[in-house]
Amino acid sequence: MNWDFLGFLATMVSIGVAITIPFGMFTLYRALGRRFDRRIGADPGELEILKERLAAIEDTLRQAGETQIGPRVHDLEERMDFAERLLTDRESVHRIEGGQ
């Protein structure tokens, strides 16, 4: 018997098994996943529908937040401007009266 041929054959079988087993396991896991999805009752397109609903809710919350927070931020900006003007006026009055 030719030992070189048997060594070559053993190498090829080993490579074939090394490639086939991971592919077969991936296929098996995917098939089992689909089976469990059907058992639970999950619809394949349900995830996309849920993503769209989540995006709509986020947009609604963002718009509501802008309409409620916007006027309050504007009011706070006006108050800060007023306080800054008061401080600068006091400094200028203090300088005019001779205080440096």
PDB file of N, CA and C in Angstrom:
ATOM      1  N   MET A   1       0.827  -1.176   0.000  1.00  0.00           N
ATOM      2  CA  MET A   1       0.000   0.000   0.000  1.00  0.00           C
ATOM      3  C   MET A   1       0.878   1.248   0.000  1.00  0.00           C
ATOM      4  N   ASN A   2       0.428   2.261  -0.694  1.00  0.00           N
ATOM      5  CA  ASN A   2       1.188   3.494  -0.834  1.00  0.00           C
ATOM      6  C   ASN A   2       0.879   4.419   0.350  1.00  0.00           C
ATOM      7  N   TRP A   3       1.887   4.660   1.209  1.00  0.00           N
ATOM      8  CA  TRP A   3       1.688   5.484   2.415  1.00  0.00           C
ATOM      9  C   TRP A   3       1.529   6.957   2.081  1.00  0.00           C
ATOM     10  N   ASP A   4       2.112   7.406   1.019  1.00  0.00           N
ATOM     11  CA  ASP A   4       1.946   8.805   0.615  1.00  0.00           C
ATOM     12  C   ASP A   4       0.493   9.076   0.239  1.00  0.00           C
ATOM     13  N   PHE A   5      -0.103   8.153  -0.475  1.00  0.00           N
ATOM     14  CA  PHE A   5      -1.506   8.320  -0.866  1.00  0.00           C
ATOM     15  C   PHE A   5      -2.415   8.320   0.366  1.00  0.00           C
ATOM     16  N   LEU A   6      -2.170   7.418   1.317  1.00  0.00           N
ATOM     17  CA  LEU A   6      -2.988   7.365   2.529  1.00  0.00           C
ATOM     18  C   LEU A   6      -2.824   8.638   3.365  1.00  0.00           C
ATOM     19  N   GLY A   7      -1.608   9.163   3.421  1.00  0.00           N
ATOM     20  CA  GLY A   7      -1.378  10.424   4.145  1.00  0.00           C
ATOM     21  C   GLY A   7      -2.125  11.574   3.486  1.00  0.00           C
ATOM     22  N   PHE A   8      -2.074  11.608   2.143  1.00  0.00           N
ATOM     23  CA  PHE A   8      -2.791  12.640   1.392  1.00  0.00           C
ATOM     24  C   PHE A   8      -4.298  12.499   1.596  1.00  0.00           C
ATOM     25  N   LEU A   9      -4.802  11.294   1.543  1.00  0.00           N
ATOM     26  CA  LEU A   9      -6.232  11.040   1.736  1.00  0.00           C
ATOM     27  C   LEU A   9      -6.676  11.439   3.145  1.00  0.00           C
ATOM     28  N   ALA A  10      -5.880  11.122   4.152  1.00  0.00           N
ATOM     29  CA  ALA A  10      -6.213  11.480   5.537  1.00  0.00           C
ATOM     30  C   ALA A  10      -6.233  13.006   5.704  1.00  0.00           C
ATOM     31  N   THR A  11      -5.294  13.677   5.058  1.00  0.00           N
ATOM     32  CA  THR A  11      -5.257  15.142   5.120  1.00  0.00           C
ATOM     33  C   THR A  11      -6.505  15.735   4.475  1.00  0.00           C
ATOM     34  N   MET A  12      -6.885  15.230   3.320  1.00  0.00           N
ATOM     35  CA  MET A  12      -8.065  15.758   2.624  1.00  0.00           C
ATOM     36  C   MET A  12      -9.342  15.501   3.428  1.00  0.00           C
ATOM     37  N   VAL A  13      -9.464  14.342   4.021  1.00  0.00           N
ATOM     38  CA  VAL A  13     -10.635  14.033   4.835  1.00  0.00           C
ATOM     39  C   VAL A  13     -10.676  14.958   6.044  1.00  0.00           C
ATOM     40  N   SER A  14      -9.537  15.202   6.664  1.00  0.00           N
ATOM     41  CA  SER A  14      -9.483  16.096   7.826  1.00  0.00           C
ATOM     42  C   SER A  14      -9.902  17.509   7.444  1.00  0.00           C
ATOM     43  N   ILE A  15      -9.423  18.000   6.319  1.00  0.00           N
ATOM     44  CA  ILE A  15      -9.799  19.347   5.855  1.00  0.00           C
ATOM     45  C   ILE A  15     -11.295  19.400   5.546  1.00  0.00           C
ATOM     46  N   GLY A  16     -11.806  18.366   4.900  1.00  0.00           N
ATOM     47  CA  GLY A  16     -13.234  18.314   4.579  1.00  0.00           C
ATOM     48  C   GLY A  16     -14.098  18.324   5.832  1.00  0.00           C
ATOM     49  N   VAL A  17     -13.692  17.560   6.832  1.00  0.00           N
ATOM     50  CA  VAL A  17     -14.445  17.521   8.094  1.00  0.00           C
ATOM     51  C   VAL A  17     -14.348  18.873   8.796  1.00  0.00           C
ATOM     52  N   ALA A  18     -13.163  19.478   8.772  1.00  0.00           N
ATOM     53  CA  ALA A  18     -12.976  20.775   9.436  1.00  0.00           C
ATOM     54  C   ALA A  18     -13.835  21.867   8.789  1.00  0.00           C
ATOM     55  N   ILE A  19     -14.098  21.768   7.512  1.00  0.00           N
ATOM     56  CA  ILE A  19     -14.943  22.755   6.824  1.00  0.00           C
ATOM     57  C   ILE A  19     -16.418  22.419   6.989  1.00  0.00           C
ATOM     58  N   THR A  20     -16.759  21.158   6.927  1.00  0.00           N
ATOM     59  CA  THR A  20     -18.163  20.740   6.936  1.00  0.00           C
ATOM     60  C   THR A  20     -18.816  20.898   8.310  1.00  0.00           C
ATOM     61  N   ILE A  21     -18.118  20.586   9.369  1.00  0.00           N
ATOM     62  CA  ILE A  21     -18.728  20.630  10.709  1.00  0.00           C
ATOM     63  C   ILE A  21     -19.192  22.044  11.074  1.00  0.00           C
ATOM     64  N   PRO A  22     -18.369  23.098  10.948  1.00  0.00           N
ATOM     65  CA  PRO A  22     -18.882  24.432  11.301  1.00  0.00           C
ATOM     66  C   PRO A  22     -20.066  24.863  10.429  1.00  0.00           C
ATOM     67  N   PHE A  23     -20.001  24.544   9.134  1.00  0.00           N
ATOM     68  CA  PHE A  23     -21.118  24.904   8.249  1.00  0.00           C
ATOM     69  C   PHE A  23     -22.388  24.169   8.663  1.00  0.00           C
ATOM     70  N   GLY A  24     -22.252  22.888   8.985  1.00  0.00           N
ATOM     71  CA  GLY A  24     -23.414  22.108   9.419  1.00  0.00           C
ATOM     72  C   GLY A  24     -23.970  22.610  10.736  1.00  0.00           C
ATOM     73  N   MET A  25     -23.099  22.999  11.676  1.00  0.00           N
ATOM     74  CA  MET A  25     -23.566  23.526  12.960  1.00  0.00           C
ATOM     75  C   MET A  25     -24.298  24.850  12.758  1.00  0.00           C
ATOM     76  N   PHE A  26     -23.760  25.716  11.885  1.00  0.00           N
ATOM     77  CA  PHE A  26     -24.420  26.993  11.612  1.00  0.00           C
ATOM     78  C   PHE A  26     -25.816  26.760  11.036  1.00  0.00           C
ATOM     79  N   THR A  27     -25.918  25.841  10.098  1.00  0.00           N
ATOM     80  CA  THR A  27     -27.211  25.526   9.488  1.00  0.00           C
ATOM     81  C   THR A  27     -28.174  24.957  10.527  1.00  0.00           C
ATOM     82  N   LEU A  28     -27.683  24.105  11.386  1.00  0.00           N
ATOM     83  CA  LEU A  28     -28.521  23.519  12.432  1.00  0.00           C
ATOM     84  C   LEU A  28     -29.013  24.597  13.407  1.00  0.00           C
ATOM     85  N   TYR A  29     -28.130  25.459  13.856  1.00  0.00           N
ATOM     86  CA  TYR A  29     -28.541  26.528  14.777  1.00  0.00           C
ATOM     87  C   TYR A  29     -29.558  27.459  14.137  1.00  0.00           C
ATOM     88  N   ARG A  30     -29.356  27.780  12.879  1.00  0.00           N
ATOM     89  CA  ARG A  30     -30.304  28.658  12.186  1.00  0.00           C
ATOM     90  C   ARG A  30     -31.673  28.002  12.060  1.00  0.00           C
ATOM     91  N   ALA A  31     -31.684  26.723  11.736  1.00  0.00           N
ATOM     92  CA  ALA A  31     -32.968  26.006  11.619  1.00  0.00           C
ATOM     93  C   ALA A  31     -33.662  25.916  12.972  1.00  0.00           C
ATOM     94  N   LEU A  32     -32.904  25.640  14.023  1.00  0.00           N
ATOM     95  CA  LEU A  32     -33.501  25.583  15.363  1.00  0.00           C
ATOM     96  C   LEU A  32     -34.038  26.955  15.778  1.00  0.00           C
ATOM     97  N   GLY A  33     -33.315  28.000  15.447  1.00  0.00           N
ATOM     98  CA  GLY A  33     -33.778  29.347  15.766  1.00  0.00           C
ATOM     99  C   GLY A  33     -35.094  29.664  15.084  1.00  0.00           C
ATOM    100  N   ARG A  34     -35.201  29.294  13.833  1.00  0.00           N
ATOM    101  CA  ARG A  34     -36.468  29.527  13.118  1.00  0.00           C
ATOM    102  C   ARG A  34     -37.605  28.723  13.736  1.00  0.00           C
ATOM    103  N   ARG A  35     -37.299  27.510  14.142  1.00  0.00           N
ATOM    104  CA  ARG A  35     -38.341  26.677  14.743  1.00  0.00           C
ATOM    105  C   ARG A  35     -38.827  27.283  16.051  1.00  0.00           C
ATOM    106  N   PHE A  36     -37.899  27.749  16.878  1.00  0.00           N
ATOM    107  CA  PHE A  36     -38.303  28.363  18.144  1.00  0.00           C
ATOM    108  C   PHE A  36     -39.055  29.666  17.914  1.00  0.00           C
ATOM    109  N   ASP A  37     -38.670  30.424  16.887  1.00  0.00           N
ATOM    110  CA  ASP A  37     -39.401  31.651  16.563  1.00  0.00           C
ATOM    111  C   ASP A  37     -40.851  31.336  16.215  1.00  0.00           C
ATOM    112  N   ARG A  38     -41.061  30.274  15.446  1.00  0.00           N
ATOM    113  CA  ARG A  38     -42.425  29.897  15.080  1.00  0.00           C
ATOM    114  C   ARG A  38     -43.208  29.422  16.300  1.00  0.00           C
ATOM    115  N   ARG A  39     -42.544  28.703  17.197  1.00  0.00           N
ATOM    116  CA  ARG A  39     -43.223  28.236  18.406  1.00  0.00           C
ATOM    117  C   ARG A  39     -43.673  29.399  19.276  1.00  0.00           C
ATOM    118  N   ILE A  40     -42.826  30.401  19.391  1.00  0.00           N
ATOM    119  CA  ILE A  40     -43.152  31.560  20.226  1.00  0.00           C
ATOM    120  C   ILE A  40     -44.211  32.411  19.540  1.00  0.00           C
ATOM    121  N   GLY A  41     -44.248  32.364  18.235  1.00  0.00           N
ATOM    122  CA  GLY A  41     -45.222  33.148  17.489  1.00  0.00           C
ATOM    123  C   GLY A  41     -44.648  34.452  16.967  1.00  0.00           C
ATOM    124  N   ALA A  42     -43.332  34.565  16.912  1.00  0.00           N
ATOM    125  CA  ALA A  42     -42.708  35.790  16.434  1.00  0.00           C
ATOM    126  C   ALA A  42     -42.816  35.870  14.922  1.00  0.00           C
ATOM    127  N   ASP A  43     -43.210  37.025  14.455  1.00  0.00           N
ATOM    128  CA  ASP A  43     -43.310  37.287  13.030  1.00  0.00           C
ATOM    129  C   ASP A  43     -41.972  37.855  12.563  1.00  0.00           C
ATOM    130  N   PRO A  44     -41.413  37.358  11.458  1.00  0.00           N
ATOM    131  CA  PRO A  44     -40.114  37.874  11.005  1.00  0.00           C
ATOM    132  C   PRO A  44     -40.115  39.383  10.739  1.00  0.00           C
ATOM    133  N   GLY A  45     -41.236  39.936  10.294  1.00  0.00           N
ATOM    134  CA  GLY A  45     -41.303  41.369  10.023  1.00  0.00           C
ATOM    135  C   GLY A  45     -41.667  42.186  11.250  1.00  0.00           C
ATOM    136  N   GLU A  46     -41.926  41.514  12.362  1.00  0.00           N
ATOM    137  CA  GLU A  46     -42.353  42.216  13.574  1.00  0.00           C
ATOM    138  C   GLU A  46     -41.258  43.136  14.109  1.00  0.00           C
ATOM    139  N   LEU A  47     -40.008  42.728  13.978  1.00  0.00           N
ATOM    140  CA  LEU A  47     -38.901  43.549  14.456  1.00  0.00           C
ATOM    141  C   LEU A  47     -38.860  44.883  13.715  1.00  0.00           C
ATOM    142  N   GLU A  48     -39.054  44.849  12.415  1.00  0.00           N
ATOM    143  CA  GLU A  48     -39.057  46.091  11.634  1.00  0.00           C
ATOM    144  C   GLU A  48     -40.207  47.001  12.046  1.00  0.00           C
ATOM    145  N   ILE A  49     -41.367  46.415  12.295  1.00  0.00           N
ATOM    146  CA  ILE A  49     -42.524  47.203  12.730  1.00  0.00           C
ATOM    147  C   ILE A  49     -42.235  47.851  14.078  1.00  0.00           C
ATOM    148  N   LEU A  50     -41.626  47.099  14.996  1.00  0.00           N
ATOM    149  CA  LEU A  50     -41.301  47.642  16.313  1.00  0.00           C
ATOM    150  C   LEU A  50     -40.259  48.751  16.222  1.00  0.00           C
ATOM    151  N   LYS A  51     -39.287  48.604  15.318  1.00  0.00           N
ATOM    152  CA  LYS A  51     -38.289  49.658  15.123  1.00  0.00           C
ATOM    153  C   LYS A  51     -38.938  50.940  14.627  1.00  0.00           C
ATOM    154  N   GLU A  52     -39.877  50.821  13.683  1.00  0.00           N
ATOM    155  CA  GLU A  52     -40.572  51.992  13.159  1.00  0.00           C
ATOM    156  C   GLU A  52     -41.399  52.662  14.248  1.00  0.00           C
ATOM    157  N   ARG A  53     -42.081  51.874  15.075  1.00  0.00           N
ATOM    158  CA  ARG A  53     -42.891  52.442  16.152  1.00  0.00           C
ATOM    159  C   ARG A  53     -42.009  53.155  17.171  1.00  0.00           C
ATOM    160  N   LEU A  54     -40.855  52.561  17.484  1.00  0.00           N
ATOM    161  CA  LEU A  54     -39.933  53.190  18.424  1.00  0.00           C
ATOM    162  C   LEU A  54     -39.422  54.520  17.880  1.00  0.00           C
ATOM    163  N   ALA A  55     -39.087  54.554  16.594  1.00  0.00           N
ATOM    164  CA  ALA A  55     -38.617  55.804  15.990  1.00  0.00           C
ATOM    165  C   ALA A  55     -39.710  56.871  16.042  1.00  0.00           C
ATOM    166  N   ALA A  56     -40.956  56.491  15.798  1.00  0.00           N
ATOM    167  CA  ALA A  56     -42.060  57.449  15.859  1.00  0.00           C
ATOM    168  C   ALA A  56     -42.249  57.979  17.275  1.00  0.00           C
ATOM    169  N   ILE A  57     -42.138  57.113  18.261  1.00  0.00           N
ATOM    170  CA  ILE A  57     -42.280  57.544  19.659  1.00  0.00           C
ATOM    171  C   ILE A  57     -41.142  58.487  20.042  1.00  0.00           C
ATOM    172  N   GLU A  58     -39.923  58.163  19.614  1.00  0.00           N
ATOM    173  CA  GLU A  58     -38.790  59.045  19.914  1.00  0.00           C
ATOM    174  C   GLU A  58     -38.977  60.415  19.280  1.00  0.00           C
ATOM    175  N   ASP A  59     -39.452  60.458  18.027  1.00  0.00           N
ATOM    176  CA  ASP A  59     -39.705  61.743  17.370  1.00  0.00           C
ATOM    177  C   ASP A  59     -40.766  62.540  18.113  1.00  0.00           C
ATOM    178  N   THR A  60     -41.831  61.885  18.535  1.00  0.00           N
ATOM    179  CA  THR A  60     -42.892  62.567  19.269  1.00  0.00           C
ATOM    180  C   THR A  60     -42.369  63.137  20.582  1.00  0.00           C
ATOM    181  N   LEU A  61     -41.579  62.348  21.307  1.00  0.00           N
ATOM    182  CA  LEU A  61     -41.019  62.835  22.561  1.00  0.00           C
ATOM    183  C   LEU A  61     -40.056  63.989  22.341  1.00  0.00           C
ATOM    184  N   ARG A  62     -39.265  63.920  21.289  1.00  0.00           N
ATOM    185  CA  ARG A  62     -38.322  64.990  20.982  1.00  0.00           C
ATOM    186  C   ARG A  62     -39.068  66.281  20.668  1.00  0.00           C
ATOM    187  N   GLN A  63     -40.121  66.186  19.861  1.00  0.00           N
ATOM    188  CA  GLN A  63     -40.905  67.374  19.516  1.00  0.00           C
ATOM    189  C   GLN A  63     -41.612  67.932  20.737  1.00  0.00           C
ATOM    190  N   ALA A  64     -42.146  67.074  21.584  1.00  0.00           N
ATOM    191  CA  ALA A  64     -42.831  67.534  22.794  1.00  0.00           C
ATOM    192  C   ALA A  64     -41.841  68.212  23.733  1.00  0.00           C
ATOM    193  N   GLY A  65     -40.656  67.649  23.832  1.00  0.00           N
ATOM    194  CA  GLY A  65     -39.635  68.242  24.691  1.00  0.00           C
ATOM    195  C   GLY A  65     -39.205  69.607  24.199  1.00  0.00           C
ATOM    196  N   GLU A  66     -39.092  69.782  22.896  1.00  0.00           N
ATOM    197  CA  GLU A  66     -38.693  71.068  22.337  1.00  0.00           C
ATOM    198  C   GLU A  66     -39.771  72.119  22.566  1.00  0.00           C
ATOM    199  N   THR A  67     -41.027  71.747  22.443  1.00  0.00           N
ATOM    200  CA  THR A  67     -42.093  72.732  22.599  1.00  0.00           C
ATOM    201  C   THR A  67     -42.277  73.116  24.056  1.00  0.00           C
ATOM    202  N   GLN A  68     -42.010  72.204  24.985  1.00  0.00           N
ATOM    203  CA  GLN A  68     -42.178  72.521  26.399  1.00  0.00           C
ATOM    204  C   GLN A  68     -40.931  73.164  26.991  1.00  0.00           C
ATOM    205  N   ILE A  69     -39.769  72.758  26.556  1.00  0.00           N
ATOM    206  CA  ILE A  69     -38.526  73.251  27.137  1.00  0.00           C
ATOM    207  C   ILE A  69     -38.078  74.548  26.466  1.00  0.00           C
ATOM    208  N   GLY A  70     -38.395  74.716  25.201  1.00  0.00           N
ATOM    209  CA  GLY A  70     -37.959  75.906  24.465  1.00  0.00           C
ATOM    210  C   GLY A  70     -38.329  77.214  25.141  1.00  0.00           C
ATOM    211  N   PRO A  71     -39.594  77.433  25.498  1.00  0.00           N
ATOM    212  CA  PRO A  71     -39.958  78.698  26.159  1.00  0.00           C
ATOM    213  C   PRO A  71     -39.261  78.882  27.507  1.00  0.00           C
ATOM    214  N   ARG A  72     -39.057  77.806  28.233  1.00  0.00           N
ATOM    215  CA  ARG A  72     -38.384  77.918  29.531  1.00  0.00           C
ATOM    216  C   ARG A  72     -36.923  78.317  29.350  1.00  0.00           C
ATOM    217  N   VAL A  73     -36.272  77.753  28.341  1.00  0.00           N
ATOM    218  CA  VAL A  73     -34.878  78.111  28.071  1.00  0.00           C
ATOM    219  C   VAL A  73     -34.793  79.576  27.660  1.00  0.00           C
ATOM    220  N   HIS A  74     -35.729  80.019  26.836  1.00  0.00           N
ATOM    221  CA  HIS A  74     -35.754  81.422  26.408  1.00  0.00           C
ATOM    222  C   HIS A  74     -35.927  82.341  27.623  1.00  0.00           C
ATOM    223  N   ASP A  75     -36.817  81.994  28.537  1.00  0.00           N
ATOM    224  CA  ASP A  75     -37.038  82.787  29.746  1.00  0.00           C
ATOM    225  C   ASP A  75     -35.762  82.841  30.588  1.00  0.00           C
ATOM    226  N   LEU A  76     -35.085  81.716  30.733  1.00  0.00           N
ATOM    227  CA  LEU A  76     -33.837  81.691  31.498  1.00  0.00           C
ATOM    228  C   LEU A  76     -32.751  82.533  30.831  1.00  0.00           C
ATOM    229  N   GLU A  77     -32.699  82.523  29.511  1.00  0.00           N
ATOM    230  CA  GLU A  77     -31.731  83.357  28.799  1.00  0.00           C
ATOM    231  C   GLU A  77     -31.996  84.833  29.063  1.00  0.00           C
ATOM    232  N   GLU A  78     -33.261  85.234  29.050  1.00  0.00           N
ATOM    233  CA  GLU A  78     -33.602  86.626  29.329  1.00  0.00           C
ATOM    234  C   GLU A  78     -33.208  87.010  30.749  1.00  0.00           C
ATOM    235  N   ARG A  79     -33.439  86.131  31.691  1.00  0.00           N
ATOM    236  CA  ARG A  79     -33.070  86.416  33.076  1.00  0.00           C
ATOM    237  C   ARG A  79     -31.558  86.558  33.229  1.00  0.00           C
ATOM    238  N   MET A  80     -30.798  85.696  32.552  1.00  0.00           N
ATOM    239  CA  MET A  80     -29.337  85.782  32.604  1.00  0.00           C
ATOM    240  C   MET A  80     -28.855  87.100  31.996  1.00  0.00           C
ATOM    241  N   ASP A  81     -29.432  87.493  30.875  1.00  0.00           N
ATOM    242  CA  ASP A  81     -29.064  88.768  30.252  1.00  0.00           C
ATOM    243  C   ASP A  81     -29.348  89.933  31.206  1.00  0.00           C
ATOM    244  N   PHE A  82     -30.499  89.904  31.863  1.00  0.00           N
ATOM    245  CA  PHE A  82     -30.865  90.958  32.799  1.00  0.00           C
ATOM    246  C   PHE A  82     -29.872  91.014  33.961  1.00  0.00           C
ATOM    247  N   ALA A  83     -29.513  89.839  34.503  1.00  0.00           N
ATOM    248  CA  ALA A  83     -28.556  89.803  35.615  1.00  0.00           C
ATOM    249  C   ALA A  83     -27.192  90.315  35.175  1.00  0.00           C
ATOM    250  N   GLU A  84     -26.765  89.977  33.979  1.00  0.00           N
ATOM    251  CA  GLU A  84     -25.484  90.466  33.468  1.00  0.00           C
ATOM    252  C   GLU A  84     -25.513  91.975  33.317  1.00  0.00           C
ATOM    253  N   ARG A  85     -26.621  92.516  32.794  1.00  0.00           N
ATOM    254  CA  ARG A  85     -26.733  93.976  32.652  1.00  0.00           C
ATOM    255  C   ARG A  85     -26.685  94.661  34.010  1.00  0.00           C
ATOM    256  N   LEU A  86     -27.357  94.087  35.003  1.00  0.00           N
ATOM    257  CA  LEU A  86     -27.311  94.676  36.340  1.00  0.00           C
ATOM    258  C   LEU A  86     -25.886  94.693  36.889  1.00  0.00           C
ATOM    259  N   LEU A  87     -25.170  93.610  36.715  1.00  0.00           N
ATOM    260  CA  LEU A  87     -23.797  93.550  37.220  1.00  0.00           C
ATOM    261  C   LEU A  87     -22.901  94.552  36.509  1.00  0.00           C
ATOM    262  N   THR A  88     -23.022  94.662  35.197  1.00  0.00           N
ATOM    263  CA  THR A  88     -22.176  95.619  34.470  1.00  0.00           C
ATOM    264  C   THR A  88     -22.561  97.045  34.814  1.00  0.00           C
ATOM    265  N   ASP A  89     -23.848  97.330  35.048  1.00  0.00           N
ATOM    266  CA  ASP A  89     -24.265  98.676  35.426  1.00  0.00           C
ATOM    267  C   ASP A  89     -23.698  99.041  36.794  1.00  0.00           C
ATOM    268  N   ARG A  90     -23.696  98.099  37.732  1.00  0.00           N
ATOM    269  CA  ARG A  90     -23.147  98.376  39.058  1.00  0.00           C
ATOM    270  C   ARG A  90     -21.655  98.667  38.971  1.00  0.00           C
ATOM    271  N   GLU A  91     -20.937  97.922  38.133  1.00  0.00           N
ATOM    272  CA  GLU A  91     -19.505  98.161  37.985  1.00  0.00           C
ATOM    273  C   GLU A  91     -19.248  99.534  37.389  1.00  0.00           C
ATOM    274  N   SER A  92     -20.042  99.929  36.376  1.00  0.00           N
ATOM    275  CA  SER A  92     -19.821 101.241  35.760  1.00  0.00           C
ATOM    276  C   SER A  92     -20.189 102.367  36.730  1.00  0.00           C
ATOM    277  N   VAL A  93     -21.261 102.207  37.524  1.00  0.00           N
ATOM    278  CA  VAL A  93     -21.632 103.223  38.523  1.00  0.00           C
ATOM    279  C   VAL A  93     -20.553 103.320  39.566  1.00  0.00           C
ATOM    280  N   HIS A  94     -19.997 102.193  39.969  1.00  0.00           N
ATOM    281  CA  HIS A  94     -18.942 102.186  40.965  1.00  0.00           C
ATOM    282  C   HIS A  94     -17.709 102.923  40.437  1.00  0.00           C
ATOM    283  N   ARG A  95     -17.368 102.799  39.168  1.00  0.00           N
ATOM    284  CA  ARG A  95     -16.235 103.486  38.566  1.00  0.00           C
ATOM    285  C   ARG A  95     -16.503 104.984  38.481  1.00  0.00           C
ATOM    286  N   ILE A  96     -17.723 105.361  38.122  1.00  0.00           N
ATOM    287  CA  ILE A  96     -18.048 106.777  37.979  1.00  0.00           C
ATOM    288  C   ILE A  96     -17.978 107.493  39.329  1.00  0.00           C
ATOM    289  N   GLU A  97     -18.382 106.858  40.376  1.00  0.00           N
ATOM    290  CA  GLU A  97     -18.375 107.462  41.677  1.00  0.00           C
ATOM    291  C   GLU A  97     -16.981 107.555  42.273  1.00  0.00           C
ATOM    292  N   GLY A  98     -15.996 107.027  41.564  1.00  0.00           N
ATOM    293  CA  GLY A  98     -14.618 107.146  42.035  1.00  0.00           C
ATOM    294  C   GLY A  98     -14.082 105.923  42.722  1.00  0.00           C
ATOM    295  N   GLY A  99     -14.686 104.814  42.539  1.00  0.00           N
ATOM    296  CA  GLY A  99     -14.239 103.609  43.227  1.00  0.00           C
ATOM    297  C   GLY A  99     -13.272 102.765  42.432  1.00  0.00           C
ATOM    298  N   GLN A 100     -12.862 103.128  41.282  1.00  0.00           N
ATOM    299  CA  GLN A 100     -11.967 102.391  40.376  1.00  0.00           C
ATOM    300  C   GLN A 100     -12.703 101.519  39.446  1.00  0.00           C
TER     301      GLN A 100
END
